[in-house]
C-alpha atoms as a PDB file:
ATOM      1  CA  MET A   1     204.812 125.289  -1.677  1.00  0.00           C
ATOM      2  CA  GLU A   2     201.342 127.819   0.777  1.00  0.00           C
ATOM      3  CA  LYS A   3     200.983 128.691   4.030  1.00  0.00           C
ATOM      4  CA  MET A   4     199.463 126.073   5.190  1.00  0.00           C
ATOM      5  CA  LYS A   5     197.735 124.549   9.286  1.00  0.00           C
ATOM      6  CA  THR A   6     200.578 121.382  10.354  1.00  0.00           C
ATOM      7  CA  SER A   7     197.049 119.672  11.431  1.00  0.00           C
ATOM      8  CA  MET A   8     196.556 119.671   7.755  1.00  0.00           C
ATOM      9  CA  TRP A   9     199.448 118.296   6.377  1.00  0.00           C
ATOM     10  CA  GLN A  10     199.456 115.322   4.553  1.00  0.00           C
ATOM     11  CA  TYR A  11     202.109 113.017   7.164  1.00  0.00           C
ATOM     12  CA  ALA A  12     200.795 109.740   7.831  1.00  0.00           C
ATOM     13  CA  PRO A  13     203.229 107.424  10.291  1.00  0.00           C
ATOM     14  CA  ASN A  14     203.946 104.679   8.334  1.00  0.00           C
ATOM     15  CA  ASN A  15     204.737 105.836   5.276  1.00  0.00           C
ATOM     16  CA  SER A  16     207.739 107.809   7.217  1.00  0.00           C
ATOM     17  CA  PRO A  17     210.090 109.790   6.984  1.00  0.00           C
ATOM     18  CA  LEU A  18     207.517 110.877   3.217  1.00  0.00           C
ATOM     19  CA  PRO A  19     206.664 112.963   2.966  1.00  0.00           C
ATOM     20  CA  LEU A  20     209.045 115.681   3.761  1.00  0.00           C
ATOM     21  CA  PRO A  21     208.748 120.090   2.515  1.00  0.00           C
ATOM     22  CA  LYS A  22     210.836 119.714  -0.470  1.00  0.00           C
ATOM     23  CA  THR A  23     211.838 123.292   0.242  1.00  0.00           C
ATOM     24  CA  PRO A  24     212.670 125.933   2.854  1.00  0.00           C
ATOM     25  CA  PHE A  25     209.895 126.338   5.682  1.00  0.00           C
ATOM     26  CA  ILE A  26     209.683 126.994   9.258  1.00  0.00           C
ATOM     27  CA  CYS A  27     207.147 125.164  12.030  1.00  0.00           C
ATOM     28  CA  ASN A  28     205.534 127.031  14.067  1.00  0.00           C
ATOM     29  CA  ASP A  29     203.262 125.399  16.577  1.00  0.00           C
ATOM     30  CA  SER A  30     200.308 126.094  14.273  1.00  0.00           C
ATOM     31  CA  ASP A  31     201.687 127.093  11.138  1.00  0.00           C
ATOM     32  CA  LEU A  32     203.589 125.639   7.721  1.00  0.00           C
ATOM     33  CA  LEU A  33     204.944 128.908   6.556  1.00  0.00           C
ATOM     34  CA  PRO A  34     206.815 128.609   3.556  1.00  0.00           C
ATOM     35  CA  LEU A  35     210.803 130.329   3.531  1.00  0.00           C
ATOM     36  CA  ASP A  36     212.077 132.491   0.860  1.00  0.00           C
ATOM     37  CA  PHE A  37     215.945 131.877   1.146  1.00  0.00           C
ATOM     38  CA  SER A  38     218.618 129.612  -1.499  1.00  0.00           C
ATOM     39  CA  LEU A  39     222.434 130.519  -1.088  1.00  0.00           C
ATOM     40  CA  GLU A  40     224.636 130.320  -4.358  1.00  0.00           C
ATOM     41  CA  GLY A  41     227.979 129.794  -4.044  1.00  0.00           C
ATOM     42  CA  SER A  42     230.604 126.756  -4.305  1.00  0.00           C
ATOM     43  CA  ASP A  43     233.088 127.494  -1.056  1.00  0.00           C
ATOM     44  CA  GLU A  44     233.034 127.490   2.931  1.00  0.00           C
ATOM     45  CA  ILE A  45     231.309 128.957   4.614  1.00  0.00           C
ATOM     46  CA  SER A  46     230.954 130.345   8.162  1.00  0.00           C
ATOM     47  CA  PHE A  47     228.215 128.762  10.845  1.00  0.00           C
ATOM     48  CA  ASP A  48     227.376 132.496  11.403  1.00  0.00           C
ATOM     49  CA  SER A  49     227.919 133.892   7.117  1.00  0.00           C
ATOM     50  CA  LEU A  50     224.832 131.634   6.492  1.00  0.00           C
ATOM     51  CA  LYS A  51     223.168 132.952   9.448  1.00  0.00           C
ATOM     52  CA  GLN A  52     223.268 136.352   8.524  1.00  0.00           C
ATOM     53  CA  SER A  53     221.932 135.087   4.733  1.00  0.00           C
ATOM     54  CA  LEU A  54     218.669 132.886   6.487  1.00  0.00           C
ATOM     55  CA  ALA A  55     218.166 135.789   9.036  1.00  0.00           C
ATOM     56  CA  SER A  56     217.486 138.598   5.668  1.00  0.00           C
ATOM     57  CA  ALA A  57     215.543 135.245   4.455  1.00  0.00           C
ATOM     58  CA  GLU A  58     211.496 136.697   3.505  1.00  0.00           C
ATOM     59  CA  VAL A  59     208.391 135.110   5.193  1.00  0.00           C
ATOM     60  CA  GLU A  60     205.081 136.485   4.865  1.00  0.00           C
ATOM     61  CA  ASN A  61     206.292 139.039   3.832  1.00  0.00           C
ATOM     62  CA  THR A  62     209.167 140.223   5.483  1.00  0.00           C
ATOM     63  CA  THR A  63     212.533 139.343   7.635  1.00  0.00           C
ATOM     64  CA  LEU A  64     213.225 136.289   8.863  1.00  0.00           C
ATOM     65  CA  GLU A  65     214.862 137.920  11.297  1.00  0.00           C
ATOM     66  CA  GLN A  66     211.843 140.399  12.036  1.00  0.00           C
ATOM     67  CA  TYR A  67     209.492 137.844  11.835  1.00  0.00           C
ATOM     68  CA  LEU A  68     212.001 136.040  15.268  1.00  0.00           C
ATOM     69  CA  ILE A  69     211.966 138.897  16.903  1.00  0.00           C
ATOM     70  CA  THR A  70     207.202 139.696  16.009  1.00  0.00           C
ATOM     71  CA  HIS A  71     207.110 137.203  17.331  1.00  0.00           C
ATOM     72  CA  SER A  72     208.870 137.295  20.561  1.00  0.00           C
ATOM     73  CA  ALA A  73     210.736 134.070  19.839  1.00  0.00           C
ATOM     74  CA  PRO A  74     214.950 133.361  19.828  1.00  0.00           C
ATOM     75  CA  LEU A  75     216.924 134.943  16.893  1.00  0.00           C
ATOM     76  CA  LEU A  76     219.490 132.843  14.612  1.00  0.00           C
ATOM     77  CA  SER A  77     222.454 134.352  16.385  1.00  0.00           C
ATOM     78  CA  GLU A  78     221.060 132.207  19.608  1.00  0.00           C
ATOM     79  CA  ARG A  79     220.112 129.687  17.687  1.00  0.00           C
ATOM     80  CA  MET A  80     222.681 126.165  16.397  1.00  0.00           C
ATOM     81  CA  PRO A  81     222.528 124.169  13.553  1.00  0.00           C
ATOM     82  CA  ILE A  82     220.858 120.511  13.966  1.00  0.00           C
ATOM     83  CA  LEU A  83     219.676 117.573  10.972  1.00  0.00           C
ATOM     84  CA  LEU A  84     216.270 116.691  11.130  1.00  0.00           C
ATOM     85  CA  LEU A  85     217.343 112.897   9.486  1.00  0.00           C
ATOM     86  CA  GLY A  86     213.090 111.669   9.393  1.00  0.00           C
ATOM     87  CA  GLU A  87     210.466 112.501  11.767  1.00  0.00           C
ATOM     88  CA  LEU A  88     211.493 115.714  13.117  1.00  0.00           C
ATOM     89  CA  ALA A  89     210.955 117.761   9.474  1.00  0.00           C
ATOM     90  CA  ASN A  90     207.732 116.396   9.783  1.00  0.00           C
ATOM     91  CA  PRO A  91     205.730 119.354   9.886  1.00  0.00           C
ATOM     92  CA  PHE A  92     202.856 117.147  11.271  1.00  0.00           C
ATOM     93  CA  GLN A  93     204.444 116.550  13.754  1.00  0.00           C
ATOM     94  CA  LEU A  94     207.413 119.221  14.393  1.00  0.00           C
ATOM     95  CA  ALA A  95     204.363 121.408  15.906  1.00  0.00           C
ATOM     96  CA  ARG A  96     203.713 118.901  18.164  1.00  0.00           C
ATOM     97  CA  LEU A  97     206.602 119.755  20.240  1.00  0.00           C
ATOM     98  CA  SER A  98     205.435 123.095  21.353  1.00  0.00           C
ATOM     99  CA  LEU A  99     208.886 124.367  20.576  1.00  0.00           C
ATOM    100  CA  GLY A 100     208.088 127.578  18.615  1.00  0.00           C
ATOM    101  CA  PRO A 101     208.672 128.701  15.247  1.00  0.00           C
ATOM    102  CA  ILE A 102     211.809 126.589  14.119  1.00  0.00           C
ATOM    103  CA  PRO A 103     213.649 127.594  10.419  1.00  0.00           C
ATOM    104  CA  VAL A 104     214.119 124.697   8.277  1.00  0.00           C
ATOM    105  CA  ILE A 105     216.316 125.160   4.673  1.00  0.00           C
ATOM    106  CA  ASN A 106     217.278 121.641   3.117  1.00  0.00           C
ATOM    107  CA  VAL A 107     220.916 120.904   2.796  1.00  0.00           C
ATOM    108  CA  ARG A 108     222.675 118.503   0.501  1.00  0.00           C
ATOM    109  CA  LEU A 109     223.980 115.114   1.994  1.00  0.00           C
ATOM    110  CA  GLN A 110     227.894 113.409   0.997  1.00  0.00           C
ATOM    111  CA  ASN A 111     229.907 110.632   1.357  1.00  0.00           C
ATOM    112  CA  LEU A 112     226.210 109.984   4.115  1.00  0.00           C
ATOM    113  CA  CYS A 113     224.023 108.206   3.910  1.00  0.00           C
ATOM    114  CA  ARG A 114     219.615 108.626   6.047  1.00  0.00           C
ATOM    115  CA  THR A 115     219.522 105.233   7.071  1.00  0.00           C
ATOM    116  CA  TYR A 116     216.843 103.080   9.204  1.00  0.00           C
ATOM    117  CA  SER A 117     218.074 102.235  12.839  1.00  0.00           C
ATOM    118  CA  ASP A 118     217.013  98.951  14.295  1.00  0.00           C
ATOM    119  CA  GLY A 119     214.710 100.442  16.575  1.00  0.00           C
ATOM    120  CA  LEU A 120     211.037 100.406  17.068  1.00  0.00           C
ATOM    121  CA  ASP A 121     208.944 103.599  17.971  1.00  0.00           C
ATOM    122  CA  ALA A 122     204.858 102.170  18.751  1.00  0.00           C
ATOM    123  CA  ARG A 123     203.708 104.529  20.270  1.00  0.00           C
ATOM    124  CA  MET A 124     202.024 106.802  16.615  1.00  0.00           C
ATOM    125  CA  ILE A 125     200.520 103.684  14.877  1.00  0.00           C
ATOM    126  CA  ARG A 126     200.876  99.751  15.311  1.00  0.00           C
ATOM    127  CA  PRO A 127     203.283  98.245  15.033  1.00  0.00           C
ATOM    128  CA  GLY A 128     205.830 101.033  15.402  1.00  0.00           C
ATOM    129  CA  ILE A 129     207.653 103.503  13.095  1.00  0.00           C
ATOM    130  CA  HIS A 130     211.497 103.080  13.002  1.00  0.00           C
ATOM    131  CA  HIS A 131     213.543 106.302  13.133  1.00  0.00           C
ATOM    132  CA  VAL A 132     216.004 107.807  10.887  1.00  0.00           C
ATOM    133  CA  THR A 133     219.447 107.800  11.959  1.00  0.00           C
ATOM    134  CA  LEU A 134     223.114 108.755   9.585  1.00  0.00           C
ATOM    135  CA  ALA A 135     226.085 106.476   8.098  1.00  0.00           C
ATOM    136  CA  ARG A 136     228.634 106.637   5.800  1.00  0.00           C
ATOM    137  CA  THR A 137     228.530 105.849   2.471  1.00  0.00           C
ATOM    138  CA  LYS A 138     231.456 106.307  -0.381  1.00  0.00           C
ATOM    139  CA  GLY A 139     230.162 108.333  -3.091  1.00  0.00           C
ATOM    140  CA  TRP A 140     226.206 109.203  -1.785  1.00  0.00           C
ATOM    141  CA  TRP A 141     223.974 111.692  -1.803  1.00  0.00           C
ATOM    142  CA  GLU A 142     221.173 112.436  -0.664  1.00  0.00           C
ATOM    143  CA  THR A 143     218.917 116.199   0.475  1.00  0.00           C
ATOM    144  CA  THR A 144     218.428 116.112   4.101  1.00  0.00           C
ATOM    145  CA  HIS A 145     216.707 119.172   6.585  1.00  0.00           C
ATOM    146  CA  LEU A 146     219.059 121.703   8.458  1.00  0.00           C
ATOM    147  CA  ALA A 147     216.921 122.821  11.987  1.00  0.00           C
ATOM    148  CA  PHE A 148     218.576 125.929  13.568  1.00  0.00           C
ATOM    149  CA  VAL A 149     217.591 125.253  16.957  1.00  0.00           C
ATOM    150  CA  THR A 150     218.083 126.738  20.427  1.00  0.00           C
ATOM    151  CA  LEU A 151     220.086 124.294  22.758  1.00  0.00           C
ATOM    152  CA  PRO A 152     216.586 124.158  24.638  1.00  0.00           C
ATOM    153  CA  GLN A 153     214.685 122.860  22.253  1.00  0.00           C
ATOM    154  CA  ALA A 154     217.647 120.797  20.778  1.00  0.00           C
ATOM    155  CA  LYS A 155     217.056 118.526  24.003  1.00  0.00           C
ATOM    156  CA  GLN A 156     214.031 118.208  23.979  1.00  0.00           C
ATOM    157  CA  MET A 157     213.929 117.160  19.846  1.00  0.00           C
ATOM    158  CA  ILE A 158     216.382 114.143  21.916  1.00  0.00           C
ATOM    159  CA  GLU A 159     213.894 113.407  24.841  1.00  0.00           C
ATOM    160  CA  TRP A 160     210.749 112.971  22.628  1.00  0.00           C
ATOM    161  CA  LEU A 161     213.291 110.164  19.930  1.00  0.00           C
ATOM    162  CA  ASN A 162     213.373 109.106  23.448  1.00  0.00           C
ATOM    163  CA  ASN A 163     210.370 108.709  24.300  1.00  0.00           C
ATOM    164  CA  ARG A 164     210.754 111.132  27.493  1.00  0.00           C
ATOM    165  CA  ARG A 165     213.168 109.571  28.919  1.00  0.00           C
ATOM    166  CA  HIS A 166     216.911 108.905  29.255  1.00  0.00           C
ATOM    167  CA  GLY A 167     217.707 106.608  25.828  1.00  0.00           C
ATOM    168  CA  ASN A 168     218.890 105.979  22.500  1.00  0.00           C
ATOM    169  CA  TRP A 169     218.578 108.660  20.454  1.00  0.00           C
ATOM    170  CA  ARG A 170     222.131 110.450  21.397  1.00  0.00           C
ATOM    171  CA  PRO A 171     223.355 114.683  19.813  1.00  0.00           C
ATOM    172  CA  VAL A 172     226.401 113.594  18.317  1.00  0.00           C
ATOM    173  CA  LYS A 173     228.997 115.885  16.134  1.00  0.00           C
ATOM    174  CA  PRO A 174     229.970 114.536  12.568  1.00  0.00           C
ATOM    175  CA  ASN A 175     233.504 114.274  11.915  1.00  0.00           C
ATOM    176  CA  GLU A 176     233.478 112.447   8.438  1.00  0.00           C
ATOM    177  CA  GLY A 177     230.677 113.530   4.820  1.00  0.00           C
ATOM    178  CA  THR A 178     230.417 116.880   3.514  1.00  0.00           C
ATOM    179  CA  LEU A 179     227.492 119.331   3.966  1.00  0.00           C
ATOM    180  CA  ARG A 180     226.357 121.659   1.540  1.00  0.00           C
ATOM    181  CA  VAL A 181     223.122 124.000   1.593  1.00  0.00           C
ATOM    182  CA  GLU A 182     221.371 122.835  -1.189  1.00  0.00           C
ATOM    183  CA  ASN A 183     219.227 124.805  -4.422  1.00  0.00           C
ATOM    184  CA  ASN A 184     217.814 122.178  -6.348  1.00  0.00           C
ATOM    185  CA  SER A 185     214.837 121.148  -4.687  1.00  0.00           C
ATOM    186  CA  THR A 186     214.037 118.079  -7.223  1.00  0.00           C
ATOM    187  CA  LEU A 187     217.761 117.159  -6.904  1.00  0.00           C
ATOM    188  CA  SER A 188     217.428 112.990  -6.911  1.00  0.00           C
ATOM    189  CA  PRO A 189     219.619 110.517  -5.005  1.00  0.00           C
ATOM    190  CA  PRO A 190     222.396 107.946  -7.423  1.00  0.00           C
ATOM    191  CA  PRO A 191     219.868 105.704  -8.136  1.00  0.00           C
ATOM    192  CA  PHE A 192     220.092 101.718  -6.300  1.00  0.00           C
ATOM    193  CA  GLU A 193     221.943 100.613  -9.486  1.00  0.00           C
ATOM    194  CA  SER A 194     224.905 102.519  -8.510  1.00  0.00           C
ATOM    195  CA  LEU A 195     226.192 100.799  -5.821  1.00  0.00           C
ATOM    196  CA  GLU A 196     228.532  98.647  -5.625  1.00  0.00           C
ATOM    197  CA  TRP A 197     229.398  95.715  -2.492  1.00  0.00           C
ATOM    198  CA  ASP A 198     233.274  93.902  -2.686  1.00  0.00           C
ATOM    199  CA  GLY A 199     231.471  91.746   0.056  1.00  0.00           C
ATOM    200  CA  LYS A 200     232.761  94.502   3.062  1.00  0.00           C
ATOM    201  CA  THR A 201     231.747  97.533   1.996  1.00  0.00           C
ATOM    202  CA  GLU A 202     229.325  99.597  -0.352  1.00  0.00           C
ATOM    203  CA  THR A 203     230.096 102.267  -2.477  1.00  0.00           C
ATOM    204  CA  CYS A 204     228.428 104.916  -5.001  1.00  0.00           C
ATOM    205  CA  ILE A 205     230.137 105.388  -7.909  1.00  0.00           C
ATOM    206  CA  ALA A 206     227.396 107.858  -9.944  1.00  0.00           C
ATOM    207  CA  ASP A 207     228.317 110.359 -11.478  1.00  0.00           C
ATOM    208  CA  GLU A 208     227.768 113.131  -8.131  1.00  0.00           C
ATOM    209  CA  PRO A 209     225.657 116.607  -9.858  1.00  0.00           C
ATOM    210  CA  ALA A 210     227.108 119.870  -9.374  1.00  0.00           C
ATOM    211  CA  PRO A 211     227.431 121.508  -5.944  1.00  0.00           C
ATOM    212  CA  ASN A 212     224.530 124.454  -5.819  1.00  0.00           C
ATOM    213  CA  GLY A 213     224.920 125.659  -2.695  1.00  0.00           C
ATOM    214  CA  PRO A 214     228.277 126.176  -0.286  1.00  0.00           C
ATOM    215  CA  GLU A 215     229.925 123.691   2.571  1.00  0.00           C
ATOM    216  CA  ILE A 216     229.618 124.572   5.885  1.00  0.00           C
ATOM    217  CA  ASP A 217     232.014 122.869   8.548  1.00  0.00           C
ATOM    218  CA  ILE A 218     229.977 119.504   9.086  1.00  0.00           C
ATOM    219  CA  THR A 219     231.892 118.907  12.212  1.00  0.00           C
ATOM    220  CA  GLN A 220     229.438 122.160  14.244  1.00  0.00           C
ATOM    221  CA  VAL A 221     226.323 120.397  13.455  1.00  0.00           C
ATOM    222  CA  MET A 222     224.980 118.570  16.263  1.00  0.00           C
ATOM    223  CA  VAL A 223     223.125 115.054  14.630  1.00  0.00           C
ATOM    224  CA  PRO A 224     220.074 112.952  16.876  1.00  0.00           C
ATOM    225  CA  ILE A 225     221.896 108.812  15.692  1.00  0.00           C
ATOM    226  CA  TYR A 226     219.975 105.615  17.509  1.00  0.00           C
ATOM    227  CA  THR A 227     223.202 104.226  19.691  1.00  0.00           C
ATOM    228  CA  LYS A 228     221.373 101.028  21.415  1.00  0.00           C
ATOM    229  CA  ASN A 229     221.409  98.957  17.913  1.00  0.00           C
ATOM    230  CA  GLY A 230     223.198 101.650  15.709  1.00  0.00           C
ATOM    231  CA  CYS A 231     221.543 100.993  11.894  1.00  0.00           C
ATOM    232  CA  TYR A 232     219.726  97.922  10.708  1.00  0.00           C
ATOM    233  CA  ASP A 233     221.938  95.415   8.749  1.00  0.00           C
ATOM    234  CA  SER A 234     220.696  93.680   5.507  1.00  0.00           C
ATOM    235  CA  ARG A 235     223.551  90.892   5.313  1.00  0.00           C
ATOM    236  CA  GLY A 236     226.647  93.844   5.600  1.00  0.00           C
ATOM    237  CA  LYS A 237     224.676  96.002   3.488  1.00  0.00           C
ATOM    238  CA  LEU A 238     222.243  99.832   4.285  1.00  0.00           C
ATOM    239  CA  ILE A 239     218.750  99.771   3.484  1.00  0.00           C
ATOM    240  CA  ARG A 240     218.225 103.141   2.024  1.00  0.00           C
ATOM    241  CA  CYS A 241     215.751 105.583   3.097  1.00  0.00           C
ATOM    242  CA  VAL A 242     215.171 107.000  -0.612  1.00  0.00           C
ATOM    243  CA  HIS A 243     215.379 103.807  -2.026  1.00  0.00           C
ATOM    244  CA  VAL A 244     213.115 101.261   0.489  1.00  0.00           C
ATOM    245  CA  GLY A 245     209.623 103.004   2.079  1.00  0.00           C
ATOM    246  CA  GLN A 246     208.831 102.813   5.739  1.00  0.00           C
ATOM    247  CA  ARG A 247     206.512  99.749   5.444  1.00  0.00           C
ATOM    248  CA  GLU A 248     208.860  97.685   2.971  1.00  0.00           C
ATOM    249  CA  PHE A 249     211.942  98.448   5.049  1.00  0.00           C
ATOM    250  CA  HIS A 250     208.742  97.027   7.790  1.00  0.00           C
ATOM    251  CA  ALA A 251     207.482  94.005   5.996  1.00  0.00           C
ATOM    252  CA  ASN A 252     210.417  92.536   4.166  1.00  0.00           C
ATOM    253  CA  TYR A 253     213.926  94.153   6.066  1.00  0.00           C
ATOM    254  CA  PHE A 254     212.831  94.585   9.914  1.00  0.00           C
ATOM    255  CA  ARG A 255     214.667  91.601  12.786  1.00  0.00           C
ATOM    256  CA  ARG A 256     215.735  89.926   9.404  1.00  0.00           C
ATOM    257  CA  GLY A 257     219.385  90.830   9.236  1.00  0.00           C
ATOM    258  CA  SER A 258     221.156  91.679  12.100  1.00  0.00           C
ATOM    259  CA  SER A 259     222.368  95.483  12.912  1.00  0.00           C
ATOM    260  CA  LYS A 260     225.542  97.644  12.626  1.00  0.00           C
ATOM    261  CA  ARG A 261     226.751  99.894  15.834  1.00  0.00           C
ATOM    262  CA  TRP A 262     226.555 102.965  15.328  1.00  0.00           C
ATOM    263  CA  GLN A 263     230.538 103.364  16.158  1.00  0.00           C
ATOM    264  CA  ASP A 264     230.992 100.915  13.114  1.00  0.00           C
ATOM    265  CA  ILE A 265     228.813 103.686  10.593  1.00  0.00           C
ATOM    266  CA  LEU A 266     230.273 107.169  11.904  1.00  0.00           C
ATOM    267  CA  GLU A 267     232.598 109.263  12.798  1.00  0.00           C
ATOM    268  CA  ILE A 268     231.966 111.112  15.689  1.00  0.00           C
ATOM    269  CA  VAL A 269     233.540 114.565  17.039  1.00  0.00           C
END
């Protein structure tokens, strides 16, 4: 990935939540910058240790720490981790929130998946976008994005999901699943055929590739979830974003099933 204007990102609302960057990056109000960061190991590390490593990552021929200082932005020590599961990880959309520099790294979800919320946001395109929420799936893995933000920045993100008013998106901290730093930008998720259904629960039976980055405590990570209707329920099954795109979901699934309550798909702290 090369430096570019966020306005030039190949954004298309009806393709949400794709395309998204495949490698770590910094997004500010006008630019998308590559962030040279990797962290090996398989043991769990603290967020303080992760922030220390991230502070020395390279961006525009300097360290991330110095970049933030130069741009009068809050340092990593003042920031908290938040999962960006869909539109918020899209540089075009993230820059429109005017939050200042936001560093974002790749992470691997384990036993959790990204799935469509059972709702429709018609602000950007008609008929609208289905935002992404989080749900459990035993044996599953996939990559997503972890950003480091201040509390006011996190609040602005939630406000945007809620259309600038009190709404149905709520920041929570998961109490299940695993989160790891992911260094392989081409890591593939399990194929659709790897999902087994016993009439009540789906389980992924594929063999997961060995971890290449340390585990981080998911109970300390904020994630926006949709609390009104939870996620879409397709005859008991989930519709995973990696298998079904936005347009296909809207055309072939939405309003042809029901919804799962958020309390039934994710345990929180």
